[in-house]
Every structure is written in C-alpha cells, then in structure tokens.
Amino acid sequence: ISREEYLRRQGQRINNAEIDEAKIAEY
C-alpha cells in the first residue's frame, strides 16, 4: 500500500475513522 493509504488506515485504527485528509493530500 502507498504511504497515503497507510496513513488513512492508521487513522481509522487509532482515531475511530477520524482521518486527516489534509495530511494525506499533502503527502
């Protein structure tokens, strides 16, 4: 998986589906 998908899945695991889309878009 890409770094962006990794961050998205990490956000889902840690923040209960609260994902930092701005950070993902930046990367």
mmCIF file of all heavy atoms, coordinates in Angstrom:
data_MODEL
# 
_entry.id   MODEL 
# 
loop_
_atom_site.group_PDB 
_atom_site.id 
_atom_site.type_symbol 
_atom_site.label_atom_id 
_atom_site.label_alt_id 
_atom_site.label_comp_id 
_atom_site.label_asym_id 
_atom_site.label_entity_id 
_atom_site.label_seq_id 
_atom_site.pdbx_PDB_ins_code 
_atom_site.Cartn_x 
_atom_site.Cartn_y 
_atom_site.Cartn_z 
_atom_site.occupancy 
_atom_site.B_iso_or_equiv 
_atom_site.pdbx_formal_charge 
_atom_site.auth_seq_id 
_atom_site.auth_comp_id 
_atom_site.auth_asym_id 
_atom_site.auth_atom_id 
_atom_site.pdbx_PDB_model_num 
ATOM 1   N N   . ILE A 1 1  ? 0.843   -1.203 0.000  1.00 0.00 ? 1  ILE A N   1 
ATOM 2   C CA  . ILE A 1 1  ? 0.000   0.000  0.000  1.00 0.00 ? 1  ILE A CA  1 
ATOM 3   C C   . ILE A 1 1  ? 0.878   1.253  0.000  1.00 0.00 ? 1  ILE A C   1 
ATOM 4   O O   . ILE A 1 1  ? 2.025   1.233  0.454  1.00 0.00 ? 1  ILE A O   1 
ATOM 5   C CB  . ILE A 1 1  ? -0.964  0.021  1.204  1.00 0.00 ? 1  ILE A CB  1 
ATOM 6   C CG1 . ILE A 1 1  ? -0.171  0.022  2.527  1.00 0.00 ? 1  ILE A CG1 1 
ATOM 7   C CG2 . ILE A 1 1  ? -1.924  -1.156 1.141  1.00 0.00 ? 1  ILE A CG2 1 
ATOM 8   C CD1 . ILE A 1 1  ? -1.060  0.168  3.763  1.00 0.00 ? 1  ILE A CD1 1 
ATOM 9   N N   . SER A 1 2  ? 0.321   2.336  -0.501 1.00 0.00 ? 2  SER A N   1 
ATOM 10  C CA  . SER A 1 2  ? 1.039   3.610  -0.560 1.00 0.00 ? 2  SER A CA  1 
ATOM 11  C C   . SER A 1 2  ? 1.106   4.251  0.819  1.00 0.00 ? 2  SER A C   1 
ATOM 12  O O   . SER A 1 2  ? 0.401   3.850  1.758  1.00 0.00 ? 2  SER A O   1 
ATOM 13  C CB  . SER A 1 2  ? 0.341   4.563  -1.533 1.00 0.00 ? 2  SER A CB  1 
ATOM 14  O OG  . SER A 1 2  ? -0.935  4.928  -1.009 1.00 0.00 ? 2  SER A OG  1 
ATOM 15  N N   . ARG A 1 3  ? 1.945   5.237  0.949  1.00 0.00 ? 3  ARG A N   1 
ATOM 16  C CA  . ARG A 1 3  ? 2.046   5.986  2.198  1.00 0.00 ? 3  ARG A CA  1 
ATOM 17  C C   . ARG A 1 3  ? 0.714   6.637  2.551  1.00 0.00 ? 3  ARG A C   1 
ATOM 18  O O   . ARG A 1 3  ? 0.298   6.655  3.718  1.00 0.00 ? 3  ARG A O   1 
ATOM 19  C CB  . ARG A 1 3  ? 3.128   7.060  2.057  1.00 0.00 ? 3  ARG A CB  1 
ATOM 20  C CG  . ARG A 1 3  ? 3.264   8.012  3.243  1.00 0.00 ? 3  ARG A CG  1 
ATOM 21  C CD  . ARG A 1 3  ? 4.442   8.946  3.019  1.00 0.00 ? 3  ARG A CD  1 
ATOM 22  N NE  . ARG A 1 3  ? 4.439   9.484  1.667  1.00 0.00 ? 3  ARG A NE  1 
ATOM 23  C CZ  . ARG A 1 3  ? 5.513   9.979  1.068  1.00 0.00 ? 3  ARG A CZ  1 
ATOM 24  N NH1 . ARG A 1 3  ? 6.672   9.949  1.676  1.00 0.00 ? 3  ARG A NH1 1 
ATOM 25  N NH2 . ARG A 1 3  ? 5.448   10.467 -0.151 1.00 0.00 ? 3  ARG A NH2 1 
ATOM 26  N N   . GLU A 1 4  ? 0.001   7.136  1.522  1.00 0.00 ? 4  GLU A N   1 
ATOM 27  C CA  . GLU A 1 4  ? -1.280  7.797  1.776  1.00 0.00 ? 4  GLU A CA  1 
ATOM 28  C C   . GLU A 1 4  ? -2.324  6.812  2.302  1.00 0.00 ? 4  GLU A C   1 
ATOM 29  O O   . GLU A 1 4  ? -3.059  7.116  3.253  1.00 0.00 ? 4  GLU A O   1 
ATOM 30  C CB  . GLU A 1 4  ? -1.791  8.471  0.491  1.00 0.00 ? 4  GLU A CB  1 
ATOM 31  C CG  . GLU A 1 4  ? -0.897  9.605  -0.014 1.00 0.00 ? 4  GLU A CG  1 
ATOM 32  C CD  . GLU A 1 4  ? 0.378   9.117  -0.670 1.00 0.00 ? 4  GLU A CD  1 
ATOM 33  O OE1 . GLU A 1 4  ? 0.327   8.100  -1.399 1.00 0.00 ? 4  GLU A OE1 1 
ATOM 34  O OE2 . GLU A 1 4  ? 1.437   9.734  -0.424 1.00 0.00 ? 4  GLU A OE2 1 
ATOM 35  N N   . GLU A 1 5  ? -2.366  5.615  1.708  1.00 0.00 ? 5  GLU A N   1 
ATOM 36  C CA  . GLU A 1 5  ? -3.317  4.603  2.172  1.00 0.00 ? 5  GLU A CA  1 
ATOM 37  C C   . GLU A 1 5  ? -2.944  4.118  3.573  1.00 0.00 ? 5  GLU A C   1 
ATOM 38  O O   . GLU A 1 5  ? -3.813  3.840  4.397  1.00 0.00 ? 5  GLU A O   1 
ATOM 39  C CB  . GLU A 1 5  ? -3.356  3.433  1.192  1.00 0.00 ? 5  GLU A CB  1 
ATOM 40  C CG  . GLU A 1 5  ? -4.327  2.324  1.580  1.00 0.00 ? 5  GLU A CG  1 
ATOM 41  C CD  . GLU A 1 5  ? -5.770  2.791  1.689  1.00 0.00 ? 5  GLU A CD  1 
ATOM 42  O OE1 . GLU A 1 5  ? -6.132  3.806  1.045  1.00 0.00 ? 5  GLU A OE1 1 
ATOM 43  O OE2 . GLU A 1 5  ? -6.532  2.140  2.427  1.00 0.00 ? 5  GLU A OE2 1 
ATOM 44  N N   . TYR A 1 6  ? -1.646  4.033  3.837  1.00 0.00 ? 6  TYR A N   1 
ATOM 45  C CA  . TYR A 1 6  ? -1.188  3.645  5.174  1.00 0.00 ? 6  TYR A CA  1 
ATOM 46  C C   . TYR A 1 6  ? -1.673  4.649  6.213  1.00 0.00 ? 6  TYR A C   1 
ATOM 47  O O   . TYR A 1 6  ? -2.165  4.264  7.288  1.00 0.00 ? 6  TYR A O   1 
ATOM 48  C CB  . TYR A 1 6  ? 0.338   3.551  5.184  1.00 0.00 ? 6  TYR A CB  1 
ATOM 49  C CG  . TYR A 1 6  ? 0.930   3.284  6.547  1.00 0.00 ? 6  TYR A CG  1 
ATOM 50  C CD1 . TYR A 1 6  ? 1.001   1.988  7.055  1.00 0.00 ? 6  TYR A CD1 1 
ATOM 51  C CD2 . TYR A 1 6  ? 1.420   4.333  7.326  1.00 0.00 ? 6  TYR A CD2 1 
ATOM 52  C CE1 . TYR A 1 6  ? 1.540   1.747  8.307  1.00 0.00 ? 6  TYR A CE1 1 
ATOM 53  C CE2 . TYR A 1 6  ? 1.964   4.100  8.580  1.00 0.00 ? 6  TYR A CE2 1 
ATOM 54  C CZ  . TYR A 1 6  ? 2.023   2.809  9.056  1.00 0.00 ? 6  TYR A CZ  1 
ATOM 55  O OH  . TYR A 1 6  ? 2.559   2.574  10.310 1.00 0.00 ? 6  TYR A OH  1 
ATOM 56  N N   . LEU A 1 7  ? -1.542  5.941  5.911  1.00 0.00 ? 7  LEU A N   1 
ATOM 57  C CA  . LEU A 1 7  ? -1.996  6.977  6.839  1.00 0.00 ? 7  LEU A CA  1 
ATOM 58  C C   . LEU A 1 7  ? -3.507  6.908  7.034  1.00 0.00 ? 7  LEU A C   1 
ATOM 59  O O   . LEU A 1 7  ? -4.017  7.096  8.146  1.00 0.00 ? 7  LEU A O   1 
ATOM 60  C CB  . LEU A 1 7  ? -1.601  8.361  6.321  1.00 0.00 ? 7  LEU A CB  1 
ATOM 61  C CG  . LEU A 1 7  ? -0.101  8.680  6.331  1.00 0.00 ? 7  LEU A CG  1 
ATOM 62  C CD1 . LEU A 1 7  ? 0.161   10.012 5.627  1.00 0.00 ? 7  LEU A CD1 1 
ATOM 63  C CD2 . LEU A 1 7  ? 0.434   8.728  7.758  1.00 0.00 ? 7  LEU A CD2 1 
ATOM 64  N N   . ARG A 1 8  ? -4.218  6.632  5.955  1.00 0.00 ? 8  ARG A N   1 
ATOM 65  C CA  . ARG A 1 8  ? -5.683  6.537  6.058  1.00 0.00 ? 8  ARG A CA  1 
ATOM 66  C C   . ARG A 1 8  ? -6.083  5.364  6.956  1.00 0.00 ? 8  ARG A C   1 
ATOM 67  O O   . ARG A 1 8  ? -6.946  5.512  7.833  1.00 0.00 ? 8  ARG A O   1 
ATOM 68  C CB  . ARG A 1 8  ? -6.294  6.397  4.667  1.00 0.00 ? 8  ARG A CB  1 
ATOM 69  C CG  . ARG A 1 8  ? -7.820  6.342  4.668  1.00 0.00 ? 8  ARG A CG  1 
ATOM 70  C CD  . ARG A 1 8  ? -8.389  6.379  3.262  1.00 0.00 ? 8  ARG A CD  1 
ATOM 71  N NE  . ARG A 1 8  ? -8.308  7.726  2.684  1.00 0.00 ? 8  ARG A NE  1 
ATOM 72  C CZ  . ARG A 1 8  ? -7.431  8.102  1.764  1.00 0.00 ? 8  ARG A CZ  1 
ATOM 73  N NH1 . ARG A 1 8  ? -6.562  7.220  1.278  1.00 0.00 ? 8  ARG A NH1 1 
ATOM 74  N NH2 . ARG A 1 8  ? -7.412  9.330  1.294  1.00 0.00 ? 8  ARG A NH2 1 
ATOM 75  N N   . ARG A 1 9  ? -5.462  4.208  6.771  1.00 0.00 ? 9  ARG A N   1 
ATOM 76  C CA  . ARG A 1 9  ? -5.793  3.046  7.584  1.00 0.00 ? 9  ARG A CA  1 
ATOM 77  C C   . ARG A 1 9  ? -5.350  3.253  9.031  1.00 0.00 ? 9  ARG A C   1 
ATOM 78  O O   . ARG A 1 9  ? -6.033  2.817  9.966  1.00 0.00 ? 9  ARG A O   1 
ATOM 79  C CB  . ARG A 1 9  ? -5.137  1.793  7.009  1.00 0.00 ? 9  ARG A CB  1 
ATOM 80  C CG  . ARG A 1 9  ? -5.668  1.406  5.631  1.00 0.00 ? 9  ARG A CG  1 
ATOM 81  C CD  . ARG A 1 9  ? -5.093  0.083  5.167  1.00 0.00 ? 9  ARG A CD  1 
ATOM 82  N NE  . ARG A 1 9  ? -5.513  -0.232 3.807  1.00 0.00 ? 9  ARG A NE  1 
ATOM 83  C CZ  . ARG A 1 9  ? -5.235  -1.383 3.187  1.00 0.00 ? 9  ARG A CZ  1 
ATOM 84  N NH1 . ARG A 1 9  ? -4.544  -2.322 3.818  1.00 0.00 ? 9  ARG A NH1 1 
ATOM 85  N NH2 . ARG A 1 9  ? -5.644  -1.597 1.944  1.00 0.00 ? 9  ARG A NH2 1 
ATOM 86  N N   . GLN A 1 10 ? -4.216  3.907  9.210  1.00 0.00 ? 10 GLN A N   1 
ATOM 87  C CA  . GLN A 1 10 ? -3.739  4.187  10.561 1.00 0.00 ? 10 GLN A CA  1 
ATOM 88  C C   . GLN A 1 10 ? -4.722  5.095  11.284 1.00 0.00 ? 10 GLN A C   1 
ATOM 89  O O   . GLN A 1 10 ? -5.017  4.897  12.467 1.00 0.00 ? 10 GLN A O   1 
ATOM 90  C CB  . GLN A 1 10 ? -2.356  4.838  10.506 1.00 0.00 ? 10 GLN A CB  1 
ATOM 91  C CG  . GLN A 1 10 ? -1.716  5.065  11.863 1.00 0.00 ? 10 GLN A CG  1 
ATOM 92  C CD  . GLN A 1 10 ? -0.376  5.759  11.735 1.00 0.00 ? 10 GLN A CD  1 
ATOM 93  O OE1 . GLN A 1 10 ? -0.255  6.805  11.089 1.00 0.00 ? 10 GLN A OE1 1 
ATOM 94  N NE2 . GLN A 1 10 ? 0.655   5.176  12.322 1.00 0.00 ? 10 GLN A NE2 1 
ATOM 95  N N   . GLY A 1 11 ? -5.244  6.099  10.565 1.00 0.00 ? 11 GLY A N   1 
ATOM 96  C CA  . GLY A 1 11 ? -6.229  6.995  11.162 1.00 0.00 ? 11 GLY A CA  1 
ATOM 97  C C   . GLY A 1 11 ? -7.501  6.269  11.549 1.00 0.00 ? 11 GLY A C   1 
ATOM 98  O O   . GLY A 1 11 ? -8.116  6.546  12.589 1.00 0.00 ? 11 GLY A O   1 
ATOM 99  N N   . GLN A 1 12 ? -7.903  5.316  10.741 1.00 0.00 ? 12 GLN A N   1 
ATOM 100 C CA  . GLN A 1 12 ? -9.108  4.548  11.050 1.00 0.00 ? 12 GLN A CA  1 
ATOM 101 C C   . GLN A 1 12 ? -8.911  3.687  12.292 1.00 0.00 ? 12 GLN A C   1 
ATOM 102 O O   . GLN A 1 12 ? -9.814  3.545  13.115 1.00 0.00 ? 12 GLN A O   1 
ATOM 103 C CB  . GLN A 1 12 ? -9.471  3.663  9.853  1.00 0.00 ? 12 GLN A CB  1 
ATOM 104 C CG  . GLN A 1 12 ? -9.980  4.436  8.646  1.00 0.00 ? 12 GLN A CG  1 
ATOM 105 C CD  . GLN A 1 12 ? -10.172 3.552  7.424  1.00 0.00 ? 12 GLN A CD  1 
ATOM 106 O OE1 . GLN A 1 12 ? -9.570  2.482  7.316  1.00 0.00 ? 12 GLN A OE1 1 
ATOM 107 N NE2 . GLN A 1 12 ? -11.018 3.993  6.512  1.00 0.00 ? 12 GLN A NE2 1 
ATOM 108 N N   . ARG A 1 13 ? -7.701  3.132  12.441 1.00 0.00 ? 13 ARG A N   1 
ATOM 109 C CA  . ARG A 1 13 ? -7.443  2.272  13.601 1.00 0.00 ? 13 ARG A CA  1 
ATOM 110 C C   . ARG A 1 13 ? -7.325  3.085  14.893 1.00 0.00 ? 13 ARG A C   1 
ATOM 111 O O   . ARG A 1 13 ? -7.859  2.705  15.927 1.00 0.00 ? 13 ARG A O   1 
ATOM 112 C CB  . ARG A 1 13 ? -6.154  1.477  13.393 1.00 0.00 ? 13 ARG A CB  1 
ATOM 113 C CG  . ARG A 1 13 ? -6.237  0.392  12.352 1.00 0.00 ? 13 ARG A CG  1 
ATOM 114 C CD  . ARG A 1 13 ? -5.052  -0.560 12.481 1.00 0.00 ? 13 ARG A CD  1 
ATOM 115 N NE  . ARG A 1 13 ? -3.785  0.159  12.393 1.00 0.00 ? 13 ARG A NE  1 
ATOM 116 C CZ  . ARG A 1 13 ? -3.101  0.329  11.259 1.00 0.00 ? 13 ARG A CZ  1 
ATOM 117 N NH1 . ARG A 1 13 ? -3.594  -0.131 10.128 1.00 0.00 ? 13 ARG A NH1 1 
ATOM 118 N NH2 . ARG A 1 13 ? -1.958  0.963  11.261 1.00 0.00 ? 13 ARG A NH2 1 
ATOM 119 N N   . ILE A 1 14 ? -6.622  4.209  14.811 1.00 0.00 ? 14 ILE A N   1 
ATOM 120 C CA  . ILE A 1 14 ? -6.300  4.963  16.022 1.00 0.00 ? 14 ILE A CA  1 
ATOM 121 C C   . ILE A 1 14 ? -7.405  5.947  16.398 1.00 0.00 ? 14 ILE A C   1 
ATOM 122 O O   . ILE A 1 14 ? -7.756  6.103  17.568 1.00 0.00 ? 14 ILE A O   1 
ATOM 123 C CB  . ILE A 1 14 ? -4.965  5.716  15.845 1.00 0.00 ? 14 ILE A CB  1 
ATOM 124 C CG1 . ILE A 1 14 ? -3.842  4.698  15.606 1.00 0.00 ? 14 ILE A CG1 1 
ATOM 125 C CG2 . ILE A 1 14 ? -4.654  6.573  17.057 1.00 0.00 ? 14 ILE A CG2 1 
ATOM 126 C CD1 . ILE A 1 14 ? -2.506  5.325  15.296 1.00 0.00 ? 14 ILE A CD1 1 
ATOM 127 N N   . ASN A 1 15 ? -7.962  6.608  15.400 1.00 0.00 ? 15 ASN A N   1 
ATOM 128 C CA  . ASN A 1 15 ? -8.907  7.693  15.685 1.00 0.00 ? 15 ASN A CA  1 
ATOM 129 C C   . ASN A 1 15 ? -10.357 7.328  15.405 1.00 0.00 ? 15 ASN A C   1 
ATOM 130 O O   . ASN A 1 15 ? -11.203 8.217  15.271 1.00 0.00 ? 15 ASN A O   1 
ATOM 131 C CB  . ASN A 1 15 ? -8.527  8.935  14.848 1.00 0.00 ? 15 ASN A CB  1 
ATOM 132 C CG  . ASN A 1 15 ? -7.115  9.393  15.128 1.00 0.00 ? 15 ASN A CG  1 
ATOM 133 O OD1 . ASN A 1 15 ? -6.671  9.369  16.263 1.00 0.00 ? 15 ASN A OD1 1 
ATOM 134 N ND2 . ASN A 1 15 ? -6.403  9.802  14.086 1.00 0.00 ? 15 ASN A ND2 1 
ATOM 135 N N   . ASN A 1 16 ? -10.624 6.024  15.306 1.00 0.00 ? 16 ASN A N   1 
ATOM 136 C CA  . ASN A 1 16 ? -12.003 5.597  15.073 1.00 0.00 ? 16 ASN A CA  1 
ATOM 137 C C   . ASN A 1 16 ? -12.616 6.280  13.854 1.00 0.00 ? 16 ASN A C   1 
ATOM 138 O O   . ASN A 1 16 ? -13.646 6.951  13.937 1.00 0.00 ? 16 ASN A O   1 
ATOM 139 C CB  . ASN A 1 16 ? -12.868 5.853  16.312 1.00 0.00 ? 16 ASN A CB  1 
ATOM 140 C CG  . ASN A 1 16 ? -12.401 5.051  17.517 1.00 0.00 ? 16 ASN A CG  1 
ATOM 141 O OD1 . ASN A 1 16 ? -12.011 3.894  17.371 1.00 0.00 ? 16 ASN A OD1 1 
ATOM 142 N ND2 . ASN A 1 16 ? -12.417 5.663  18.688 1.00 0.00 ? 16 ASN A ND2 1 
ATOM 143 N N   . ALA A 1 17 ? -11.935 6.126  12.720 1.00 0.00 ? 17 ALA A N   1 
ATOM 144 C CA  . ALA A 1 17 ? -12.408 6.623  11.421 1.00 0.00 ? 17 ALA A CA  1 
ATOM 145 C C   . ALA A 1 17 ? -12.256 8.133  11.255 1.00 0.00 ? 17 ALA A C   1 
ATOM 146 O O   . ALA A 1 17 ? -12.709 8.691  10.264 1.00 0.00 ? 17 ALA A O   1 
ATOM 147 C CB  . ALA A 1 17 ? -13.863 6.221  11.175 1.00 0.00 ? 17 ALA A CB  1 
ATOM 148 N N   . GLU A 1 18 ? -11.569 8.808  12.205 1.00 0.00 ? 18 GLU A N   1 
ATOM 149 C CA  . GLU A 1 18 ? -11.291 10.239 12.028 1.00 0.00 ? 18 GLU A CA  1 
ATOM 150 C C   . GLU A 1 18 ? -9.975  10.361 11.273 1.00 0.00 ? 18 GLU A C   1 
ATOM 151 O O   . GLU A 1 18 ? -8.896  10.140 11.833 1.00 0.00 ? 18 GLU A O   1 
ATOM 152 C CB  . GLU A 1 18 ? -11.191 10.946 13.381 1.00 0.00 ? 18 GLU A CB  1 
ATOM 153 C CG  . GLU A 1 18 ? -10.971 12.448 13.249 1.00 0.00 ? 18 GLU A CG  1 
ATOM 154 C CD  . GLU A 1 18 ? -10.873 13.140 14.597 1.00 0.00 ? 18 GLU A CD  1 
ATOM 155 O OE1 . GLU A 1 18 ? -11.403 12.589 15.586 1.00 0.00 ? 18 GLU A OE1 1 
ATOM 156 O OE2 . GLU A 1 18 ? -10.282 14.231 14.649 1.00 0.00 ? 18 GLU A OE2 1 
ATOM 157 N N   . ILE A 1 19 ? -10.042 10.722 10.009 1.00 0.00 ? 19 ILE A N   1 
ATOM 158 C CA  . ILE A 1 19 ? -8.870  10.703 9.128  1.00 0.00 ? 19 ILE A CA  1 
ATOM 159 C C   . ILE A 1 19 ? -8.452  12.128 8.781  1.00 0.00 ? 19 ILE A C   1 
ATOM 160 O O   . ILE A 1 19 ? -9.287  12.982 8.470  1.00 0.00 ? 19 ILE A O   1 
ATOM 161 C CB  . ILE A 1 19 ? -9.189  9.911  7.842  1.00 0.00 ? 19 ILE A CB  1 
ATOM 162 C CG1 . ILE A 1 19 ? -9.610  8.479  8.209  1.00 0.00 ? 19 ILE A CG1 1 
ATOM 163 C CG2 . ILE A 1 19 ? -7.994  9.906  6.901  1.00 0.00 ? 19 ILE A CG2 1 
ATOM 164 C CD1 . ILE A 1 19 ? -10.114 7.689  7.028  1.00 0.00 ? 19 ILE A CD1 1 
ATOM 165 N N   . ASP A 1 20 ? -7.148  12.376 8.842  1.00 0.00 ? 20 ASP A N   1 
ATOM 166 C CA  . ASP A 1 20 ? -6.594  13.684 8.495  1.00 0.00 ? 20 ASP A CA  1 
ATOM 167 C C   . ASP A 1 20 ? -6.397  13.736 6.975  1.00 0.00 ? 20 ASP A C   1 
ATOM 168 O O   . ASP A 1 20 ? -5.311  13.465 6.468  1.00 0.00 ? 20 ASP A O   1 
ATOM 169 C CB  . ASP A 1 20 ? -5.275  13.903 9.229  1.00 0.00 ? 20 ASP A CB  1 
ATOM 170 C CG  . ASP A 1 20 ? -4.769  15.335 9.097  1.00 0.00 ? 20 ASP A CG  1 
ATOM 171 O OD1 . ASP A 1 20 ? -5.265  16.056 8.214  1.00 0.00 ? 20 ASP A OD1 1 
ATOM 172 O OD2 . ASP A 1 20 ? -3.873  15.726 9.870  1.00 0.00 ? 20 ASP A OD2 1 
ATOM 173 N N   . GLU A 1 21 ? -7.449  14.076 6.251  1.00 0.00 ? 21 GLU A N   1 
ATOM 174 C CA  . GLU A 1 21 ? -7.389  14.090 4.790  1.00 0.00 ? 21 GLU A CA  1 
ATOM 175 C C   . GLU A 1 21 ? -6.428  15.148 4.274  1.00 0.00 ? 21 GLU A C   1 
ATOM 176 O O   . GLU A 1 21 ? -5.820  14.984 3.215  1.00 0.00 ? 21 GLU A O   1 
ATOM 177 C CB  . GLU A 1 21 ? -8.787  14.315 4.213  1.00 0.00 ? 21 GLU A CB  1 
ATOM 178 C CG  . GLU A 1 21 ? -9.752  13.149 4.424  1.00 0.00 ? 21 GLU A CG  1 
ATOM 179 C CD  . GLU A 1 21 ? -9.352  11.912 3.627  1.00 0.00 ? 21 GLU A CD  1 
ATOM 180 O OE1 . GLU A 1 21 ? -8.459  12.019 2.773  1.00 0.00 ? 21 GLU A OE1 1 
ATOM 181 O OE2 . GLU A 1 21 ? -9.948  10.836 3.863  1.00 0.00 ? 21 GLU A OE2 1 
ATOM 182 N N   . ALA A 1 22 ? -6.283  16.259 5.009  1.00 0.00 ? 22 ALA A N   1 
ATOM 183 C CA  . ALA A 1 22 ? -5.367  17.314 4.572  1.00 0.00 ? 22 ALA A CA  1 
ATOM 184 C C   . ALA A 1 22 ? -3.924  16.813 4.577  1.00 0.00 ? 22 ALA A C   1 
ATOM 185 O O   . ALA A 1 22 ? -3.146  17.094 3.665  1.00 0.00 ? 22 ALA A O   1 
ATOM 186 C CB  . ALA A 1 22 ? -5.515  18.538 5.470  1.00 0.00 ? 22 ALA A CB  1 
ATOM 187 N N   . LYS A 1 23 ? -3.575  16.047 5.606  1.00 0.00 ? 23 LYS A N   1 
ATOM 188 C CA  . LYS A 1 23 ? -2.221  15.494 5.690  1.00 0.00 ? 23 LYS A CA  1 
ATOM 189 C C   . LYS A 1 23 ? -1.994  14.472 4.585  1.00 0.00 ? 23 LYS A C   1 
ATOM 190 O O   . LYS A 1 23 ? -0.930  14.439 3.955  1.00 0.00 ? 23 LYS A O   1 
ATOM 191 C CB  . LYS A 1 23 ? -2.008  14.844 7.053  1.00 0.00 ? 23 LYS A CB  1 
ATOM 192 C CG  . LYS A 1 23 ? -0.615  14.260 7.249  1.00 0.00 ? 23 LYS A CG  1 
ATOM 193 C CD  . LYS A 1 23 ? -0.460  13.676 8.638  1.00 0.00 ? 23 LYS A CD  1 
ATOM 194 C CE  . LYS A 1 23 ? 0.947   13.115 8.849  1.00 0.00 ? 23 LYS A CE  1 
ATOM 195 N NZ  . LYS A 1 23 ? 1.118   12.548 10.214 1.00 0.00 ? 23 LYS A NZ  1 
ATOM 196 N N   . ILE A 1 24 ? -3.010  13.649 4.323  1.00 0.00 ? 24 ILE A N   1 
ATOM 197 C CA  . ILE A 1 24 ? -2.906  12.644 3.267  1.00 0.00 ? 24 ILE A CA  1 
ATOM 198 C C   . ILE A 1 24 ? -2.739  13.317 1.909  1.00 0.00 ? 24 ILE A C   1 
ATOM 199 O O   . ILE A 1 24 ? -1.920  12.909 1.084  1.00 0.00 ? 24 ILE A O   1 
ATOM 200 C CB  . ILE A 1 24 ? -4.140  11.730 3.279  1.00 0.00 ? 24 ILE A CB  1 
ATOM 201 C CG1 . ILE A 1 24 ? -4.149  10.879 4.560  1.00 0.00 ? 24 ILE A CG1 1 
ATOM 202 C CG2 . ILE A 1 24 ? -4.170  10.831 2.042  1.00 0.00 ? 24 ILE A CG2 1 
ATOM 203 C CD1 . ILE A 1 24 ? -5.392  10.057 4.744  1.00 0.00 ? 24 ILE A CD1 1 
ATOM 204 N N   . ALA A 1 25 ? -3.497  14.378 1.664  1.00 0.00 ? 25 ALA A N   1 
ATOM 205 C CA  . ALA A 1 25 ? -3.392  15.110 0.402  1.00 0.00 ? 25 ALA A CA  1 
ATOM 206 C C   . ALA A 1 25 ? -2.025  15.773 0.262  1.00 0.00 ? 25 ALA A C   1 
ATOM 207 O O   . ALA A 1 25 ? -1.455  15.826 -0.834 1.00 0.00 ? 25 ALA A O   1 
ATOM 208 C CB  . ALA A 1 25 ? -4.497  16.154 0.315  1.00 0.00 ? 25 ALA A CB  1 
ATOM 209 N N   . GLU A 1 26 ? -1.482  16.258 1.368  1.00 0.00 ? 26 GLU A N   1 
ATOM 210 C CA  . GLU A 1 26 ? -0.164  16.899 1.353  1.00 0.00 ? 26 GLU A CA  1 
ATOM 211 C C   . GLU A 1 26 ? 0.907   15.905 0.919  1.00 0.00 ? 26 GLU A C   1 
ATOM 212 O O   . GLU A 1 26 ? 1.746   16.212 0.061  1.00 0.00 ? 26 GLU A O   1 
ATOM 213 C CB  . GLU A 1 26 ? 0.155   17.453 2.738  1.00 0.00 ? 26 GLU A CB  1 
ATOM 214 C CG  . GLU A 1 26 ? 1.511   18.142 2.829  1.00 0.00 ? 26 GLU A CG  1 
ATOM 215 C CD  . GLU A 1 26 ? 1.824   18.656 4.221  1.00 0.00 ? 26 GLU A CD  1 
ATOM 216 O OE1 . GLU A 1 26 ? 1.485   17.961 5.199  1.00 0.00 ? 26 GLU A OE1 1 
ATOM 217 O OE2 . GLU A 1 26 ? 2.399   19.751 4.335  1.00 0.00 ? 26 GLU A OE2 1 
ATOM 218 N N   . TYR A 1 27 ? 0.876   14.713 1.481  1.00 0.00 ? 27 TYR A N   1 
ATOM 219 C CA  . TYR A 1 27 ? 1.859   13.704 1.106  1.00 0.00 ? 27 TYR A CA  1 
ATOM 220 C C   . TYR A 1 27 ? 1.630   13.218 -0.325 1.00 0.00 ? 27 TYR A C   1 
ATOM 221 O O   . TYR A 1 27 ? 2.578   12.915 -1.054 1.00 0.00 ? 27 TYR A O   1 
ATOM 222 C CB  . TYR A 1 27 ? 1.802   12.525 2.077  1.00 0.00 ? 27 TYR A CB  1 
ATOM 223 C CG  . TYR A 1 27 ? 2.606   12.765 3.335  1.00 0.00 ? 27 TYR A CG  1 
ATOM 224 C CD1 . TYR A 1 27 ? 2.005   13.201 4.507  1.00 0.00 ? 27 TYR A CD1 1 
ATOM 225 C CD2 . TYR A 1 27 ? 3.982   12.565 3.346  1.00 0.00 ? 27 TYR A CD2 1 
ATOM 226 C CE1 . TYR A 1 27 ? 2.748   13.428 5.660  1.00 0.00 ? 27 TYR A CE1 1 
ATOM 227 C CE2 . TYR A 1 27 ? 4.734   12.795 4.482  1.00 0.00 ? 27 TYR A CE2 1 
ATOM 228 C CZ  . TYR A 1 27 ? 4.110   13.216 5.635  1.00 0.00 ? 27 TYR A CZ  1 
ATOM 229 O OH  . TYR A 1 27 ? 4.857   13.454 6.767  1.00 0.00 ? 27 TYR A OH  1 
# 
